[in-house]
Amino acid sequence: MSSNNIKKQFKLIALDIDGTLLNEKGQISEANRKAIAEAREKGIHVVLSTGRSISTCSQFAESLKLDSYLVTVNGSEIWDCAGNLLERNILDVACIQTMWELTKKYKTRFWAVTIDKVWREEFPTDISLHQWLKYGFDIDDDVVRERVLEELSQNHQLEISNSSPTNIEVNAAGVNKAKGLINVCRRLGISMDEVIAMGDSLNDIAMIKEAGCGVAMGNAQDIVKEAADWITGSNVENGVAQAIRYWVL
């Protein structure tokens, strides 16, 4: 899409965190901070839309002094600026059991998010005692990853994406960052046409396609770049700031 077609008044900037807002050191660059602050001074909402849980992303919202909503765990949860939970979508316990069996079968690395914890090295003996938001596999071997994907894709209760080329992220069917942002827009009285969304991975594609302007990072996976309206610099080149300066400021 040519930039002339979509130069418009954006009212909300939706930002993925890892590989987008953060550089290779896991930090927010000064250039990104400055551009975000200037956008906020213009009255534009800045919303972090991330695969991370509230406990692992709220520090970034606080350091940017954001006072808008947070879309977390790929849209499984939506929080307001005061830390109140507005929406939660959980995964069926039977699905978690199936994925845990796959992890053991293929001996993969994993992580999983419950409403109060991120599980990495350990796993609970009684899965049913917890409320699950997301399950993730990290698999270096392409063949094994394809096999796991094949088995997962037969289950229509699952929404499958990734946040890096070697991982697989699984949420409840119909849960994604776009749905989360649509909910946020409804609360703010704006439309998705007035949103500019930026990301780098499969879990960002839904919001990139739904937004008035979908921006792929220079370091994004190719399939994300194909879905985007515009490609900015990479996360180590202040790509977020570049896009905000071009489209918003």
C-alpha atoms as a PDB file:
ATOM      1  CA  MET A   1       0.000   0.000   0.000  1.00  0.00           C
ATOM      2  CA  SER A   2       1.408   3.408  -0.834  1.00  0.00           C
ATOM      3  CA  SER A   3       1.951   5.710   2.103  1.00  0.00           C
ATOM      4  CA  ASN A   4      -0.246   8.392   0.506  1.00  0.00           C
ATOM      5  CA  ASN A   5      -3.264   6.110   0.833  1.00  0.00           C
ATOM      6  CA  ILE A   6      -2.906   5.744   4.565  1.00  0.00           C
ATOM      7  CA  LYS A   7      -1.493   9.041   5.787  1.00  0.00           C
ATOM      8  CA  LYS A   8      -4.234   9.817   8.285  1.00  0.00           C
ATOM      9  CA  GLN A   9      -4.884  10.875  11.866  1.00  0.00           C
ATOM     10  CA  PHE A  10      -3.748   7.958  13.997  1.00  0.00           C
ATOM     11  CA  LYS A  11      -5.085   7.940  17.538  1.00  0.00           C
ATOM     12  CA  LEU A  12      -3.434   4.791  18.875  1.00  0.00           C
ATOM     13  CA  ILE A  13       0.002   3.194  18.474  1.00  0.00           C
ATOM     14  CA  ALA A  14       0.116  -0.535  19.298  1.00  0.00           C
ATOM     15  CA  LEU A  15       3.583  -1.889  19.995  1.00  0.00           C
ATOM     16  CA  ASP A  16       4.882  -5.409  20.322  1.00  0.00           C
ATOM     17  CA  ILE A  17       7.713  -5.596  22.893  1.00  0.00           C
ATOM     18  CA  ASP A  18      10.336  -8.253  22.059  1.00  0.00           C
ATOM     19  CA  GLY A  19      12.047  -7.732  18.703  1.00  0.00           C
ATOM     20  CA  THR A  20      10.103  -4.466  18.254  1.00  0.00           C
ATOM     21  CA  LEU A  21      10.205  -1.978  21.140  1.00  0.00           C
ATOM     22  CA  LEU A  22      13.283  -3.572  22.749  1.00  0.00           C
ATOM     23  CA  ASN A  23      16.759  -3.664  21.190  1.00  0.00           C
ATOM     24  CA  GLU A  24      19.160  -6.626  21.242  1.00  0.00           C
ATOM     25  CA  LYS A  25      20.005  -5.853  24.893  1.00  0.00           C
ATOM     26  CA  GLY A  26      16.350  -6.028  25.926  1.00  0.00           C
ATOM     27  CA  GLN A  27      16.247  -2.254  26.450  1.00  0.00           C
ATOM     28  CA  ILE A  28      14.178   0.646  25.112  1.00  0.00           C
ATOM     29  CA  SER A  29      16.446   3.010  23.174  1.00  0.00           C
ATOM     30  CA  GLU A  30      16.457   6.733  23.873  1.00  0.00           C
ATOM     31  CA  ALA A  31      15.207   7.408  20.330  1.00  0.00           C
ATOM     32  CA  ASN A  32      12.201   5.118  20.862  1.00  0.00           C
ATOM     33  CA  ARG A  33      11.485   6.690  24.268  1.00  0.00           C
ATOM     34  CA  LYS A  34      11.578  10.199  22.815  1.00  0.00           C
ATOM     35  CA  ALA A  35       9.278   9.394  19.878  1.00  0.00           C
ATOM     36  CA  ILE A  36       6.769   7.641  22.160  1.00  0.00           C
ATOM     37  CA  ALA A  37       6.803  10.597  24.597  1.00  0.00           C
ATOM     38  CA  GLU A  38       6.201  13.063  21.725  1.00  0.00           C
ATOM     39  CA  ALA A  39       3.317  10.967  20.385  1.00  0.00           C
ATOM     40  CA  ARG A  40       1.751  10.891  23.853  1.00  0.00           C
ATOM     41  CA  GLU A  41       2.122  14.673  24.118  1.00  0.00           C
ATOM     42  CA  LYS A  42      -0.022  14.873  20.978  1.00  0.00           C
ATOM     43  CA  GLY A  43      -2.722  12.913  22.822  1.00  0.00           C
ATOM     44  CA  ILE A  44      -2.085   9.623  21.066  1.00  0.00           C
ATOM     45  CA  HIS A  45      -2.678   6.424  23.051  1.00  0.00           C
ATOM     46  CA  VAL A  46       0.319   4.077  23.196  1.00  0.00           C
ATOM     47  CA  VAL A  47      -0.643   0.465  23.960  1.00  0.00           C
ATOM     48  CA  LEU A  48       1.810  -2.379  24.513  1.00  0.00           C
ATOM     49  CA  SER A  49       0.433  -5.461  22.751  1.00  0.00           C
ATOM     50  CA  THR A  50       2.615  -8.377  23.712  1.00  0.00           C
ATOM     51  CA  GLY A  51       2.987 -12.113  24.168  1.00  0.00           C
ATOM     52  CA  ARG A  52       4.376 -11.386  27.632  1.00  0.00           C
ATOM     53  CA  SER A  53       2.362 -11.709  30.820  1.00  0.00           C
ATOM     54  CA  ILE A  54       1.428  -8.667  32.917  1.00  0.00           C
ATOM     55  CA  SER A  55       4.209  -9.450  35.403  1.00  0.00           C
ATOM     56  CA  THR A  56       6.908  -9.415  32.702  1.00  0.00           C
ATOM     57  CA  CYS A  57       5.715  -6.380  30.706  1.00  0.00           C
ATOM     58  CA  SER A  58       4.348  -3.869  33.215  1.00  0.00           C
ATOM     59  CA  GLN A  59       7.850  -2.521  33.979  1.00  0.00           C
ATOM     60  CA  PHE A  60       8.148  -1.302  30.365  1.00  0.00           C
ATOM     61  CA  ALA A  61       4.762   0.448  30.504  1.00  0.00           C
ATOM     62  CA  GLU A  62       5.815   2.104  33.765  1.00  0.00           C
ATOM     63  CA  SER A  63       9.206   3.211  32.447  1.00  0.00           C
ATOM     64  CA  LEU A  64       7.488   4.842  29.430  1.00  0.00           C
ATOM     65  CA  LYS A  65       4.902   6.412  31.794  1.00  0.00           C
ATOM     66  CA  LEU A  66       2.091   4.902  29.702  1.00  0.00           C
ATOM     67  CA  ASP A  67      -1.416   5.508  30.985  1.00  0.00           C
ATOM     68  CA  SER A  68      -3.419   3.429  28.517  1.00  0.00           C
ATOM     69  CA  TYR A  69      -4.437  -0.213  28.247  1.00  0.00           C
ATOM     70  CA  LEU A  70      -2.188  -3.277  28.075  1.00  0.00           C
ATOM     71  CA  VAL A  71      -2.888  -6.235  25.785  1.00  0.00           C
ATOM     72  CA  THR A  72      -0.953  -9.169  27.255  1.00  0.00           C
ATOM     73  CA  VAL A  73      -0.293 -12.876  26.547  1.00  0.00           C
ATOM     74  CA  ASN A  74      -1.167 -12.374  22.839  1.00  0.00           C
ATOM     75  CA  GLY A  75      -4.587 -10.932  23.721  1.00  0.00           C
ATOM     76  CA  SER A  76      -5.493 -13.458  26.441  1.00  0.00           C
ATOM     77  CA  GLU A  77      -5.740 -10.591  28.910  1.00  0.00           C
ATOM     78  CA  ILE A  78      -6.569  -6.887  28.728  1.00  0.00           C
ATOM     79  CA  TRP A  79      -5.631  -4.569  31.601  1.00  0.00           C
ATOM     80  CA  ASP A  80      -6.402  -0.918  32.274  1.00  0.00           C
ATOM     81  CA  CYS A  81      -3.798   1.625  33.355  1.00  0.00           C
ATOM     82  CA  ALA A  82      -4.671   1.130  37.030  1.00  0.00           C
ATOM     83  CA  GLY A  83      -3.812  -2.568  36.841  1.00  0.00           C
ATOM     84  CA  ASN A  84      -7.396  -3.811  36.750  1.00  0.00           C
ATOM     85  CA  LEU A  85      -8.101  -6.936  34.687  1.00  0.00           C
ATOM     86  CA  LEU A  86     -10.813  -6.235  32.090  1.00  0.00           C
ATOM     87  CA  GLU A  87     -10.833  -9.473  30.108  1.00  0.00           C
ATOM     88  CA  ARG A  88      -9.320 -12.943  30.332  1.00  0.00           C
ATOM     89  CA  ASN A  89      -9.427 -15.895  27.913  1.00  0.00           C
ATOM     90  CA  ILE A  90      -8.139 -19.193  29.257  1.00  0.00           C
ATOM     91  CA  LEU A  91      -6.980 -22.401  27.577  1.00  0.00           C
ATOM     92  CA  ASP A  92      -8.814 -25.662  28.227  1.00  0.00           C
ATOM     93  CA  VAL A  93      -6.969 -27.892  30.715  1.00  0.00           C
ATOM     94  CA  ALA A  94      -7.215 -30.870  28.317  1.00  0.00           C
ATOM     95  CA  CYS A  95      -5.327 -28.815  25.684  1.00  0.00           C
ATOM     96  CA  ILE A  96      -2.568 -28.072  28.197  1.00  0.00           C
ATOM     97  CA  GLN A  97      -2.328 -31.781  29.031  1.00  0.00           C
ATOM     98  CA  THR A  98      -1.990 -32.604  25.304  1.00  0.00           C
ATOM     99  CA  MET A  99       0.767 -30.015  24.843  1.00  0.00           C
ATOM    100  CA  TRP A 100       2.628 -31.224  27.925  1.00  0.00           C
ATOM    101  CA  GLU A 101       2.522 -34.752  26.448  1.00  0.00           C
ATOM    102  CA  LEU A 102       3.932 -33.373  23.161  1.00  0.00           C
ATOM    103  CA  THR A 103       6.723 -31.637  25.087  1.00  0.00           C
ATOM    104  CA  LYS A 104       7.716 -34.941  26.700  1.00  0.00           C
ATOM    105  CA  LYS A 105       7.290 -36.941  23.478  1.00  0.00           C
ATOM    106  CA  TYR A 106       9.582 -34.676  21.440  1.00  0.00           C
ATOM    107  CA  LYS A 107      11.791 -33.584  24.382  1.00  0.00           C
ATOM    108  CA  THR A 108      11.316 -29.897  23.563  1.00  0.00           C
ATOM    109  CA  ARG A 109      11.990 -26.792  25.614  1.00  0.00           C
ATOM    110  CA  PHE A 110       8.755 -25.205  26.788  1.00  0.00           C
ATOM    111  CA  TRP A 111       7.228 -22.378  28.785  1.00  0.00           C
ATOM    112  CA  ALA A 112       3.665 -21.857  29.906  1.00  0.00           C
ATOM    113  CA  VAL A 113       1.736 -18.968  31.398  1.00  0.00           C
ATOM    114  CA  THR A 114      -0.896 -19.306  34.118  1.00  0.00           C
ATOM    115  CA  ILE A 115      -2.751 -16.341  35.560  1.00  0.00           C
ATOM    116  CA  ASP A 116      -0.169 -15.999  38.328  1.00  0.00           C
ATOM    117  CA  LYS A 117       3.065 -17.524  37.038  1.00  0.00           C
ATOM    118  CA  VAL A 118       5.335 -18.255  34.073  1.00  0.00           C
ATOM    119  CA  TRP A 119       6.419 -21.923  34.145  1.00  0.00           C
ATOM    120  CA  ARG A 120       9.782 -22.803  32.569  1.00  0.00           C
ATOM    121  CA  GLU A 121      11.886 -25.532  34.154  1.00  0.00           C
ATOM    122  CA  GLU A 122       9.134 -27.099  36.246  1.00  0.00           C
ATOM    123  CA  PHE A 123       5.525 -28.111  35.615  1.00  0.00           C
ATOM    124  CA  PRO A 124       2.702 -28.683  38.121  1.00  0.00           C
ATOM    125  CA  THR A 125       1.707 -32.255  38.893  1.00  0.00           C
ATOM    126  CA  ASP A 126      -1.975 -31.306  38.882  1.00  0.00           C
ATOM    127  CA  ILE A 127      -2.609 -29.175  35.789  1.00  0.00           C
ATOM    128  CA  SER A 128      -6.295 -28.711  36.662  1.00  0.00           C
ATOM    129  CA  LEU A 129      -5.458 -26.582  39.716  1.00  0.00           C
ATOM    130  CA  HIS A 130      -4.321 -23.711  37.472  1.00  0.00           C
ATOM    131  CA  GLN A 131      -5.861 -21.340  34.927  1.00  0.00           C
ATOM    132  CA  TRP A 132      -3.772 -21.398  31.733  1.00  0.00           C
ATOM    133  CA  LEU A 133      -3.332 -18.496  29.293  1.00  0.00           C
ATOM    134  CA  LYS A 134      -0.628 -19.720  26.914  1.00  0.00           C
ATOM    135  CA  TYR A 135       1.696 -22.626  26.155  1.00  0.00           C
ATOM    136  CA  GLY A 136       4.951 -22.270  24.235  1.00  0.00           C
ATOM    137  CA  PHE A 137       7.446 -24.628  22.594  1.00  0.00           C
ATOM    138  CA  ASP A 138      10.999 -23.645  21.670  1.00  0.00           C
ATOM    139  CA  ILE A 139      12.391 -26.060  19.074  1.00  0.00           C
ATOM    140  CA  ASP A 140      15.635 -25.556  17.120  1.00  0.00           C
ATOM    141  CA  ASP A 141      15.116 -28.644  14.925  1.00  0.00           C
ATOM    142  CA  ASP A 142      12.955 -27.663  11.905  1.00  0.00           C
ATOM    143  CA  VAL A 143      11.685 -31.218  11.368  1.00  0.00           C
ATOM    144  CA  VAL A 144      10.595 -31.656  14.982  1.00  0.00           C
ATOM    145  CA  ARG A 145       8.973 -28.199  14.972  1.00  0.00           C
ATOM    146  CA  GLU A 146       6.972 -29.106  11.861  1.00  0.00           C
ATOM    147  CA  ARG A 147       5.798 -32.356  13.491  1.00  0.00           C
ATOM    148  CA  VAL A 148       4.654 -30.535  16.624  1.00  0.00           C
ATOM    149  CA  LEU A 149       2.909 -27.893  14.487  1.00  0.00           C
ATOM    150  CA  GLU A 150       1.170 -30.608  12.489  1.00  0.00           C
ATOM    151  CA  GLU A 151      -0.182 -32.264  15.633  1.00  0.00           C
ATOM    152  CA  LEU A 152      -1.264 -28.947  17.147  1.00  0.00           C
ATOM    153  CA  SER A 153      -3.018 -27.742  13.995  1.00  0.00           C
ATOM    154  CA  GLN A 154      -5.450 -30.675  14.183  1.00  0.00           C
ATOM    155  CA  ASN A 155      -6.919 -29.178  17.365  1.00  0.00           C
ATOM    156  CA  HIS A 156      -9.437 -26.451  16.515  1.00  0.00           C
ATOM    157  CA  GLN A 157      -9.510 -25.197  20.108  1.00  0.00           C
ATOM    158  CA  LEU A 158      -6.069 -23.647  19.598  1.00  0.00           C
ATOM    159  CA  GLU A 159      -4.757 -20.364  18.143  1.00  0.00           C
ATOM    160  CA  ILE A 160      -1.192 -21.022  16.938  1.00  0.00           C
ATOM    161  CA  SER A 161       1.463 -18.370  16.308  1.00  0.00           C
ATOM    162  CA  ASN A 162       5.075 -17.642  17.231  1.00  0.00           C
ATOM    163  CA  SER A 163       7.220 -14.888  18.698  1.00  0.00           C
ATOM    164  CA  SER A 164      10.469 -16.078  17.090  1.00  0.00           C
ATOM    165  CA  PRO A 165      11.283 -18.370  14.140  1.00  0.00           C
ATOM    166  CA  THR A 166      12.161 -21.276  16.463  1.00  0.00           C
ATOM    167  CA  ASN A 167       9.167 -21.176  18.785  1.00  0.00           C
ATOM    168  CA  ILE A 168       5.468 -22.000  18.734  1.00  0.00           C
ATOM    169  CA  GLU A 169       2.983 -20.054  20.858  1.00  0.00           C
ATOM    170  CA  VAL A 170      -0.483 -21.434  21.607  1.00  0.00           C
ATOM    171  CA  ASN A 171      -3.502 -19.551  22.944  1.00  0.00           C
ATOM    172  CA  ALA A 172      -7.198 -20.398  23.060  1.00  0.00           C
ATOM    173  CA  ALA A 173      -8.824 -20.324  19.598  1.00  0.00           C
ATOM    174  CA  GLY A 174      -9.841 -16.820  18.530  1.00  0.00           C
ATOM    175  CA  VAL A 175      -7.431 -15.141  20.946  1.00  0.00           C
ATOM    176  CA  ASN A 176      -4.933 -12.803  19.286  1.00  0.00           C
ATOM    177  CA  LYS A 177      -3.548  -9.287  19.566  1.00  0.00           C
ATOM    178  CA  ALA A 178      -6.014  -7.914  16.983  1.00  0.00           C
ATOM    179  CA  LYS A 179      -9.035  -9.038  19.030  1.00  0.00           C
ATOM    180  CA  GLY A 180      -7.470  -7.479  22.119  1.00  0.00           C
ATOM    181  CA  LEU A 181      -6.916  -4.169  20.324  1.00  0.00           C
ATOM    182  CA  ILE A 182     -10.444  -4.156  18.881  1.00  0.00           C
ATOM    183  CA  ASN A 183     -11.686  -4.412  22.463  1.00  0.00           C
ATOM    184  CA  VAL A 184      -9.396  -1.545  23.534  1.00  0.00           C
ATOM    185  CA  CYS A 185     -10.553   0.609  20.599  1.00  0.00           C
ATOM    186  CA  ARG A 186     -14.174  -0.005  21.543  1.00  0.00           C
ATOM    187  CA  ARG A 187     -13.460   1.213  25.090  1.00  0.00           C
ATOM    188  CA  LEU A 188     -11.699   4.328  23.722  1.00  0.00           C
ATOM    189  CA  GLY A 189     -14.356   5.056  21.100  1.00  0.00           C
ATOM    190  CA  ILE A 190     -11.975   4.798  18.135  1.00  0.00           C
ATOM    191  CA  SER A 191     -11.731   2.415  15.178  1.00  0.00           C
ATOM    192  CA  MET A 192      -8.957   0.041  14.102  1.00  0.00           C
ATOM    193  CA  ASP A 193      -8.513   2.331  11.076  1.00  0.00           C
ATOM    194  CA  GLU A 194      -7.065   4.877  13.507  1.00  0.00           C
ATOM    195  CA  VAL A 195      -4.474   2.396  14.828  1.00  0.00           C
ATOM    196  CA  ILE A 196      -0.869   1.950  13.730  1.00  0.00           C
ATOM    197  CA  ALA A 197       0.427  -1.475  14.862  1.00  0.00           C
ATOM    198  CA  MET A 198       4.067  -2.630  14.847  1.00  0.00           C
ATOM    199  CA  GLY A 199       5.578  -6.079  15.261  1.00  0.00           C
ATOM    200  CA  ASP A 200       8.031  -8.708  14.044  1.00  0.00           C
ATOM    201  CA  SER A 201       6.497 -12.179  14.485  1.00  0.00           C
ATOM    202  CA  LEU A 202       3.498 -14.375  13.645  1.00  0.00           C
ATOM    203  CA  ASN A 203       1.699 -13.311  16.813  1.00  0.00           C
ATOM    204  CA  ASP A 204       1.720  -9.739  15.407  1.00  0.00           C
ATOM    205  CA  ILE A 205       0.208 -10.546  11.993  1.00  0.00           C
ATOM    206  CA  ALA A 206      -3.440 -10.305  13.080  1.00  0.00           C
ATOM    207  CA  MET A 207      -3.025  -6.776  14.497  1.00  0.00           C
ATOM    208  CA  ILE A 208      -0.809  -5.686  11.583  1.00  0.00           C
ATOM    209  CA  LYS A 209      -3.536  -6.742   9.112  1.00  0.00           C
ATOM    210  CA  GLU A 210      -6.413  -5.222  11.106  1.00  0.00           C
ATOM    211  CA  ALA A 211      -4.758  -1.867  11.832  1.00  0.00           C
ATOM    212  CA  GLY A 212      -5.171   1.216   9.650  1.00  0.00           C
ATOM    213  CA  CYS A 213      -1.409   0.989   9.164  1.00  0.00           C
ATOM    214  CA  GLY A 214       0.420  -2.266   9.845  1.00  0.00           C
ATOM    215  CA  VAL A 215       4.177  -1.858  10.262  1.00  0.00           C
ATOM    216  CA  ALA A 216       6.686  -4.714  10.123  1.00  0.00           C
ATOM    217  CA  MET A 217      10.086  -4.281  11.716  1.00  0.00           C
ATOM    218  CA  GLY A 218      13.183  -4.570   9.530  1.00  0.00           C
ATOM    219  CA  ASN A 219      14.057  -7.697  11.530  1.00  0.00           C
ATOM    220  CA  ALA A 220      10.553  -9.186  11.118  1.00  0.00           C
ATOM    221  CA  GLN A 221       9.923 -12.644   9.708  1.00  0.00           C
ATOM    222  CA  ASP A 222       9.276 -12.501   5.947  1.00  0.00           C
ATOM    223  CA  ILE A 223       5.629 -13.527   6.295  1.00  0.00           C
ATOM    224  CA  VAL A 224       5.085 -10.546   8.629  1.00  0.00           C
ATOM    225  CA  LYS A 225       6.674  -8.145   6.126  1.00  0.00           C
ATOM    226  CA  GLU A 226       4.351  -9.497   3.425  1.00  0.00           C
ATOM    227  CA  ALA A 227       1.319  -8.765   5.631  1.00  0.00           C
ATOM    228  CA  ALA A 228       2.402  -5.215   6.470  1.00  0.00           C
ATOM    229  CA  ASP A 229       1.611  -1.877   4.812  1.00  0.00           C
ATOM    230  CA  TRP A 230       5.066  -0.519   5.580  1.00  0.00           C
ATOM    231  CA  ILE A 231       8.460  -1.783   6.722  1.00  0.00           C
ATOM    232  CA  THR A 232      10.485   0.239   9.198  1.00  0.00           C
ATOM    233  CA  GLY A 233      14.035  -0.137  10.506  1.00  0.00           C
ATOM    234  CA  SER A 234      14.996  -3.066  12.712  1.00  0.00           C
ATOM    235  CA  ASN A 235      14.715  -3.132  16.491  1.00  0.00           C
ATOM    236  CA  VAL A 236      18.415  -2.227  16.736  1.00  0.00           C
ATOM    237  CA  GLU A 237      17.916   0.747  14.378  1.00  0.00           C
ATOM    238  CA  ASN A 238      15.162   2.443  16.422  1.00  0.00           C
ATOM    239  CA  GLY A 239      12.539   1.148  13.981  1.00  0.00           C
ATOM    240  CA  VAL A 240       9.699   2.096  16.320  1.00  0.00           C
ATOM    241  CA  ALA A 241      10.898   5.713  16.447  1.00  0.00           C
ATOM    242  CA  GLN A 242      11.355   5.792  12.652  1.00  0.00           C
ATOM    243  CA  ALA A 243       7.747   4.671  12.101  1.00  0.00           C
ATOM    244  CA  ILE A 244       6.297   7.035  14.712  1.00  0.00           C
ATOM    245  CA  ARG A 245       8.186   9.982  13.193  1.00  0.00           C
ATOM    246  CA  TYR A 246       7.062   9.099   9.666  1.00  0.00           C
ATOM    247  CA  TRP A 247       3.387   8.274  10.338  1.00  0.00           C
ATOM    248  CA  VAL A 248       2.470  10.179  13.475  1.00  0.00           C
ATOM    249  CA  LEU A 249       4.796  13.105  14.156  1.00  0.00           C
END
